Amino acid sequence: MVRLQTLSERTGLEVLAKLEGANPGQSAKDRIALKMIEALECSGDLRAGGTVIETTSGNTGYALAMICAVRRYRCVLVTNDKISKSKLIALRSLGAEVEVCPSKVAPDDARSYYEVAKQIHASTPNSVYVNQYFHTGNTLAHYLSTGPEVWTQCGGDLAHYFAPVGTGGTISGAGKYLKEQDPSVQVIGVDAYGSVLTKYHETGEFDEKEIYPYLIEGVGKNIIPGNVDFETIDTMVKIGDREAAHAARDLAKTEGILVGYSSGAVLAAVELMAKELKPGSRVVALMSDHGTKYFDKIFDDAWMSKKGLM
């Protein structure tokens, strides 16, 4: 946990960054990957010599690939074409087999990475489809580890917990734990423009008109994951591709800390909401992964220019 001096001074808040990039796989997904694999082993669904299949934007896949290498499972990962080249190389370097699917298709389209993963699972004997969006180990991992760590590191003193909302585990698990310790803690979910989650949180309506392509990885969804506990989330805020990218780039130059695209979205959300929060409030901002995973994206001026984000 690191105090972000520049952002704290700019917003009038005390902003603490929870740097999940310090995990072995450089992301928060290490926590959930281990918990889900252990659950599948305990249930008998995953047996010696088995195949682990999962959809991923990169980080969960990396964590699963590490575990599969150690425990001698075959690892098949299905991702979409938003994944950075460096993440793709990393997954294959760990021995994972990777299928890349188009991102601009409906979730129930046979070409979507959700459906392709199901097809591979159906045709592969002795395999499990982890499905982090609905596997309860996702939320449980953050309830048992991330939440208690945040609470302990803050000495039980925090007002707001900001985290990205994707599969739902990071915000729901830790958020639930923090609220159990102090019901006044506000849990703020960070979403992307092009995602259905914010409107669903506000109205209970799944609105396909909310769905359109965006660049941020690890934030937002075009489905409603079972691991998103909308009752735990007090407020949701949408952030755009440009704001998220520049917030991450700014952090590197002002604090010497490299974080990823979704972390940039969280930083941008803190700054956007600062005027609505009590001055001096202690804010914990969950930084999901390390910036080295994005050297060929948000930290590359050529890529930023190509995407119209400079």
Protein backbone atom coordinates (compact mmCIF):
# COMPACT_ATOMS: atom_id res chain seq x y z
CA MET A 1 0.00 0.00 0.00
CA VAL A 2 1.56 3.29 -1.12
CA ARG A 3 0.40 6.86 -0.56
CA LEU A 4 0.10 8.72 -3.85
CA GLN A 5 1.40 12.15 -2.92
CA THR A 6 0.65 14.01 -6.16
CA LEU A 7 -2.93 12.73 -6.51
CA SER A 8 -3.56 13.28 -2.80
CA GLU A 9 -2.45 16.91 -3.05
CA ARG A 10 -4.43 17.48 -6.24
CA THR A 11 -7.69 16.04 -4.89
CA GLY A 12 -7.50 16.99 -1.22
CA LEU A 13 -7.93 13.32 -0.31
CA GLU A 14 -5.50 10.81 1.17
CA VAL A 15 -5.15 8.37 -1.71
CA LEU A 16 -3.55 5.01 -0.98
CA ALA A 17 -2.77 2.64 -3.85
CA LYS A 18 -3.04 -1.10 -3.29
CA LEU A 19 -0.37 -2.34 -5.73
CA GLU A 20 -1.47 -5.78 -6.88
CA GLY A 21 1.29 -5.72 -9.51
CA ALA A 22 3.62 -6.86 -6.72
CA ASN A 23 2.11 -10.38 -6.85
CA PRO A 24 4.18 -13.12 -8.58
CA GLY A 25 2.14 -12.88 -11.78
CA GLN A 26 2.01 -9.07 -11.48
CA SER A 27 -1.75 -8.89 -10.97
CA ALA A 28 -4.61 -9.39 -8.53
CA LYS A 29 -5.68 -12.44 -10.54
CA ASP A 30 -3.02 -14.60 -8.85
CA ARG A 31 -5.32 -14.66 -5.82
CA ILE A 32 -8.39 -15.94 -7.64
CA ALA A 33 -6.57 -18.38 -9.93
CA LEU A 34 -5.16 -20.35 -7.00
CA LYS A 35 -8.44 -20.33 -5.09
CA MET A 36 -10.44 -21.55 -8.13
CA ILE A 37 -7.95 -24.29 -9.02
CA GLU A 38 -7.90 -25.53 -5.41
CA ALA A 39 -11.71 -25.63 -5.38
CA LEU A 40 -11.80 -27.62 -8.63
CA GLU A 41 -9.22 -30.05 -7.27
CA CYS A 42 -11.11 -30.50 -3.99
CA SER A 43 -14.38 -31.18 -5.81
CA GLY A 44 -12.71 -33.78 -8.02
CA ASP A 45 -13.59 -31.92 -11.21
CA LEU A 46 -9.91 -31.31 -11.94
CA ARG A 47 -7.82 -34.47 -11.91
CA ALA A 48 -4.21 -35.39 -12.67
CA GLY A 49 -3.37 -34.82 -16.33
CA GLY A 50 -6.45 -32.64 -16.81
CA THR A 51 -6.93 -29.59 -19.00
CA VAL A 52 -7.73 -26.16 -17.58
CA ILE A 53 -9.74 -23.93 -19.94
CA GLU A 54 -10.50 -20.27 -19.32
CA THR A 55 -11.45 -17.01 -20.99
CA THR A 56 -9.12 -14.15 -20.10
CA SER A 57 -8.00 -10.64 -20.98
CA GLY A 58 -4.55 -11.77 -19.94
CA ASN A 59 -4.02 -11.63 -16.19
CA THR A 60 -6.18 -14.54 -15.02
CA GLY A 61 -4.74 -16.58 -17.86
CA TYR A 62 -1.19 -15.74 -16.79
CA ALA A 63 -1.91 -16.79 -13.20
CA LEU A 64 -3.58 -20.02 -14.34
CA ALA A 65 -0.72 -20.78 -16.71
CA MET A 66 1.77 -20.45 -13.84
CA ILE A 67 -0.23 -22.83 -11.67
CA CYS A 68 -0.75 -25.30 -14.50
CA ALA A 69 3.00 -25.36 -15.20
CA VAL A 70 3.70 -26.25 -11.56
CA ARG A 71 0.87 -28.78 -11.20
CA ARG A 72 1.32 -30.32 -14.65
CA TYR A 73 -2.04 -29.47 -16.15
CA ARG A 74 -2.58 -28.57 -19.78
CA CYS A 75 -3.69 -24.95 -20.04
CA VAL A 76 -5.91 -23.65 -22.86
CA LEU A 77 -6.74 -19.94 -22.77
CA VAL A 78 -9.26 -18.10 -24.92
CA THR A 79 -8.85 -14.34 -25.25
CA ASN A 80 -9.97 -11.55 -27.56
CA ASP A 81 -8.15 -9.29 -29.96
CA LYS A 82 -7.88 -6.45 -27.42
CA ILE A 83 -5.07 -8.33 -25.66
CA SER A 84 -1.65 -6.70 -25.89
CA LYS A 85 1.09 -8.45 -27.82
CA SER A 86 3.25 -8.63 -24.70
CA LYS A 87 0.49 -10.39 -22.73
CA LEU A 88 0.00 -12.87 -25.57
CA ILE A 89 3.71 -13.67 -25.66
CA ALA A 90 3.76 -14.07 -21.87
CA LEU A 91 0.88 -16.57 -21.89
CA ARG A 92 2.51 -18.72 -24.54
CA SER A 93 5.89 -18.47 -22.82
CA LEU A 94 4.36 -20.23 -19.80
CA GLY A 95 3.22 -23.12 -22.01
CA ALA A 96 -0.41 -22.10 -22.44
CA GLU A 97 -2.22 -22.71 -25.72
CA VAL A 98 -4.00 -19.49 -26.69
CA GLU A 99 -6.99 -18.91 -28.97
CA VAL A 100 -7.66 -15.29 -30.01
CA CYS A 101 -11.27 -14.36 -30.80
CA PRO A 102 -12.85 -11.16 -32.15
CA SER A 103 -13.97 -8.68 -29.50
CA LYS A 104 -16.62 -6.95 -31.60
CA VAL A 105 -19.19 -9.78 -31.45
CA ALA A 106 -22.14 -10.51 -29.17
CA PRO A 107 -21.49 -12.72 -26.11
CA ASP A 108 -23.66 -15.51 -27.55
CA ASP A 109 -22.00 -15.37 -30.98
CA ALA A 110 -20.23 -18.66 -31.77
CA ARG A 111 -17.04 -16.65 -32.37
CA SER A 112 -17.05 -14.90 -28.95
CA TYR A 113 -14.43 -16.02 -26.49
CA TYR A 114 -17.13 -17.17 -24.06
CA GLU A 115 -18.64 -19.55 -26.62
CA VAL A 116 -15.28 -20.74 -27.98
CA ALA A 117 -14.18 -21.68 -24.46
CA LYS A 118 -17.38 -23.68 -23.97
CA GLN A 119 -16.84 -25.44 -27.30
CA ILE A 120 -13.27 -26.41 -26.40
CA HIS A 121 -14.42 -27.68 -23.00
CA ALA A 122 -17.22 -29.77 -24.57
CA SER A 123 -14.78 -31.43 -26.96
CA THR A 124 -11.91 -32.00 -24.49
CA PRO A 125 -12.04 -35.04 -22.19
CA ASN A 126 -10.88 -34.58 -18.56
CA SER A 127 -11.17 -30.80 -18.78
CA VAL A 128 -12.62 -28.00 -16.66
CA TYR A 129 -13.91 -24.62 -17.78
CA VAL A 130 -12.96 -22.37 -14.87
CA ASN A 131 -15.35 -19.51 -15.79
CA GLN A 132 -14.10 -16.79 -13.45
CA TYR A 133 -17.26 -14.75 -14.08
CA PHE A 134 -19.38 -17.20 -12.12
CA HIS A 135 -16.90 -19.28 -10.05
CA THR A 136 -17.44 -18.38 -6.38
CA GLY A 137 -13.71 -18.81 -5.70
CA ASN A 138 -13.19 -15.50 -7.49
CA THR A 139 -15.06 -13.43 -4.91
CA LEU A 140 -13.98 -15.65 -2.00
CA ALA A 141 -10.29 -15.11 -2.73
CA HIS A 142 -10.64 -11.35 -2.33
CA TYR A 143 -12.90 -11.70 0.70
CA LEU A 144 -10.28 -13.87 2.43
CA SER A 145 -7.16 -11.98 1.36
CA THR A 146 -7.49 -8.58 -0.34
CA GLY A 147 -10.16 -7.24 2.00
CA PRO A 148 -8.35 -8.19 5.23
CA GLU A 149 -5.06 -6.84 3.86
CA VAL A 150 -6.60 -3.47 2.99
CA TRP A 151 -8.26 -3.26 6.40
CA THR A 152 -5.06 -4.15 8.27
CA GLN A 153 -2.82 -1.90 6.18
CA CYS A 154 -5.18 1.03 6.81
CA GLY A 155 -5.39 0.28 10.51
CA GLY A 156 -9.15 0.06 10.11
CA ASP A 157 -9.32 3.66 8.92
CA LEU A 158 -10.67 4.21 5.39
CA ALA A 159 -13.69 5.93 3.92
CA HIS A 160 -13.77 4.78 0.30
CA TYR A 161 -12.65 1.70 -1.63
CA PHE A 162 -12.29 2.18 -5.40
CA ALA A 163 -11.87 -0.89 -7.60
CA PRO A 164 -12.50 -1.85 -11.22
CA VAL A 165 -15.57 -3.91 -12.03
CA GLY A 166 -14.95 -6.68 -14.55
CA THR A 167 -15.55 -10.25 -13.43
CA GLY A 168 -16.68 -8.78 -10.10
CA GLY A 169 -14.52 -10.61 -7.59
CA THR A 170 -12.07 -7.83 -6.76
CA ILE A 171 -14.70 -5.29 -5.80
CA SER A 172 -17.32 -7.65 -4.38
CA GLY A 173 -15.09 -9.84 -2.21
CA ALA A 174 -12.95 -7.12 -0.69
CA GLY A 175 -15.89 -4.71 -0.57
CA LYS A 176 -18.02 -7.16 1.38
CA TYR A 177 -15.25 -7.74 3.92
CA LEU A 178 -14.63 -4.02 4.41
CA LYS A 179 -18.32 -3.29 4.91
CA GLU A 180 -18.54 -6.06 7.50
CA GLN A 181 -15.79 -4.30 9.46
CA ASP A 182 -17.28 -0.82 8.99
CA PRO A 183 -20.65 -0.39 7.23
CA SER A 184 -19.84 3.26 6.51
CA VAL A 185 -17.07 2.33 4.04
CA GLN A 186 -18.20 3.38 0.57
CA VAL A 187 -17.47 0.87 -2.21
CA ILE A 188 -17.09 2.59 -5.57
CA GLY A 189 -17.00 0.55 -8.76
CA VAL A 190 -15.11 1.74 -11.83
CA ASP A 191 -16.70 0.85 -15.17
CA ALA A 192 -15.95 1.64 -18.82
CA TYR A 193 -17.99 3.44 -21.44
CA GLY A 194 -19.24 0.60 -23.65
CA SER A 195 -20.11 -1.63 -20.68
CA VAL A 196 -23.57 -2.62 -19.42
CA LEU A 197 -22.68 -2.78 -15.72
CA THR A 198 -23.33 0.79 -14.55
CA LYS A 199 -26.84 0.98 -15.99
CA TYR A 200 -27.62 -2.48 -14.63
CA HIS A 201 -26.46 -1.32 -11.19
CA GLU A 202 -28.62 1.78 -11.39
CA THR A 203 -31.78 0.32 -12.95
CA GLY A 204 -31.57 -3.48 -12.96
CA GLU A 205 -31.91 -3.34 -16.75
CA PHE A 206 -29.58 -5.12 -19.16
CA ASP A 207 -29.43 -2.62 -22.00
CA GLU A 208 -27.69 -3.80 -25.17
CA LYS A 209 -27.64 -0.19 -26.39
CA GLU A 210 -24.94 0.47 -23.77
CA ILE A 211 -22.56 -1.94 -25.53
CA TYR A 212 -19.94 -0.64 -27.94
CA PRO A 213 -16.20 -1.25 -28.43
CA TYR A 214 -13.67 0.26 -26.03
CA LEU A 215 -9.97 -0.18 -25.36
CA ILE A 216 -9.59 -0.51 -21.58
CA GLU A 217 -8.76 -4.08 -20.51
CA GLY A 218 -10.11 -5.64 -17.33
CA VAL A 219 -12.92 -3.12 -16.80
CA GLY A 220 -16.58 -3.45 -17.79
CA LYS A 221 -18.50 -6.25 -19.44
CA ASN A 222 -21.11 -7.00 -22.10
CA ILE A 223 -22.61 -9.66 -19.80
CA ILE A 224 -23.65 -9.61 -16.14
CA PRO A 225 -21.11 -11.76 -14.26
CA GLY A 226 -22.47 -13.72 -11.32
CA ASN A 227 -19.58 -12.52 -9.17
CA VAL A 228 -20.63 -8.87 -9.30
CA ASP A 229 -22.46 -8.22 -6.03
CA PHE A 230 -24.32 -5.06 -6.97
CA GLU A 231 -25.66 -4.65 -3.42
CA THR A 232 -22.13 -4.26 -2.09
CA ILE A 233 -21.34 -1.49 -4.59
CA ASP A 234 -22.58 1.92 -3.47
CA THR A 235 -21.71 3.90 -6.59
CA MET A 236 -20.42 3.17 -10.07
CA VAL A 237 -18.58 5.60 -12.32
CA LYS A 238 -17.70 5.24 -16.00
CA ILE A 239 -14.30 6.23 -17.35
CA GLY A 240 -13.21 6.62 -20.97
CA ASP A 241 -10.23 5.13 -22.80
CA ARG A 242 -8.36 8.44 -22.98
CA GLU A 243 -8.76 9.38 -19.31
CA ALA A 244 -7.69 5.95 -18.10
CA ALA A 245 -4.59 5.83 -20.32
CA HIS A 246 -3.38 9.28 -19.35
CA ALA A 247 -3.99 8.69 -15.63
CA ALA A 248 -1.69 5.65 -15.75
CA ARG A 249 0.92 7.54 -17.75
CA ASP A 250 0.74 10.48 -15.33
CA LEU A 251 1.26 8.21 -12.31
CA ALA A 252 4.47 6.86 -13.82
CA LYS A 253 5.84 10.37 -14.33
CA THR A 254 4.76 11.85 -11.00
CA GLU A 255 5.15 8.91 -8.60
CA GLY A 256 7.52 6.54 -10.44
CA ILE A 257 4.91 3.77 -10.29
CA LEU A 258 3.90 1.69 -13.31
CA VAL A 259 0.32 0.42 -13.32
CA GLY A 260 -1.94 -0.98 -16.03
CA TYR A 261 -4.89 0.31 -18.02
CA SER A 262 -7.62 -0.64 -15.53
CA SER A 263 -5.61 0.99 -12.74
CA GLY A 264 -5.53 4.16 -14.80
CA ALA A 265 -9.32 3.99 -14.93
CA VAL A 266 -9.46 3.73 -11.13
CA LEU A 267 -7.12 6.72 -10.71
CA ALA A 268 -9.22 8.75 -13.15
CA ALA A 269 -12.36 7.80 -11.20
CA VAL A 270 -10.84 8.99 -7.92
CA GLU A 271 -10.01 12.34 -9.47
CA LEU A 272 -13.43 12.62 -11.13
CA MET A 273 -15.30 11.96 -7.88
CA ALA A 274 -12.95 13.89 -5.58
CA LYS A 275 -15.26 16.93 -5.28
CA GLU A 276 -18.09 14.68 -4.08
CA LEU A 277 -16.00 13.19 -1.27
CA LYS A 278 -15.21 14.73 2.11
CA PRO A 279 -11.86 16.57 2.05
CA GLY A 280 -9.14 14.57 3.77
CA SER A 281 -10.99 11.27 3.38
CA ARG A 282 -8.80 8.20 3.11
CA VAL A 283 -9.31 6.48 -0.23
CA VAL A 284 -7.93 3.06 -1.21
CA ALA A 285 -7.49 2.65 -4.97
CA LEU A 286 -7.05 -0.94 -6.13
CA MET A 287 -4.33 -1.12 -8.79
CA SER A 288 -5.03 -4.46 -10.51
CA ASP A 289 -1.80 -5.07 -12.39
CA HIS A 290 1.66 -3.83 -13.33
CA GLY A 291 2.35 -1.38 -16.12
CA THR A 292 5.02 -3.55 -17.75
CA LYS A 293 2.15 -5.47 -19.33
CA TYR A 294 1.26 -2.36 -21.35
CA PHE A 295 4.54 -1.16 -22.81
CA ASP A 296 3.19 -1.84 -26.30
CA LYS A 297 -0.10 -0.08 -25.54
CA ILE A 298 -0.75 2.87 -23.24
CA PHE A 299 2.95 3.59 -22.62
CA ASP A 300 3.71 3.54 -26.35
CA ASP A 301 3.24 6.95 -27.97
CA ALA A 302 2.79 5.37 -31.41
CA TRP A 303 -0.05 3.13 -30.17
CA MET A 304 -1.66 6.04 -28.34
CA SER A 305 -1.51 8.19 -31.47
CA LYS A 306 -2.88 5.40 -33.64
CA LYS A 307 -5.87 5.03 -31.31
CA GLY A 308 -6.44 8.81 -31.21
CA LEU A 309 -5.64 9.08 -27.50
CA MET A 310 -2.71 11.52 -27.49
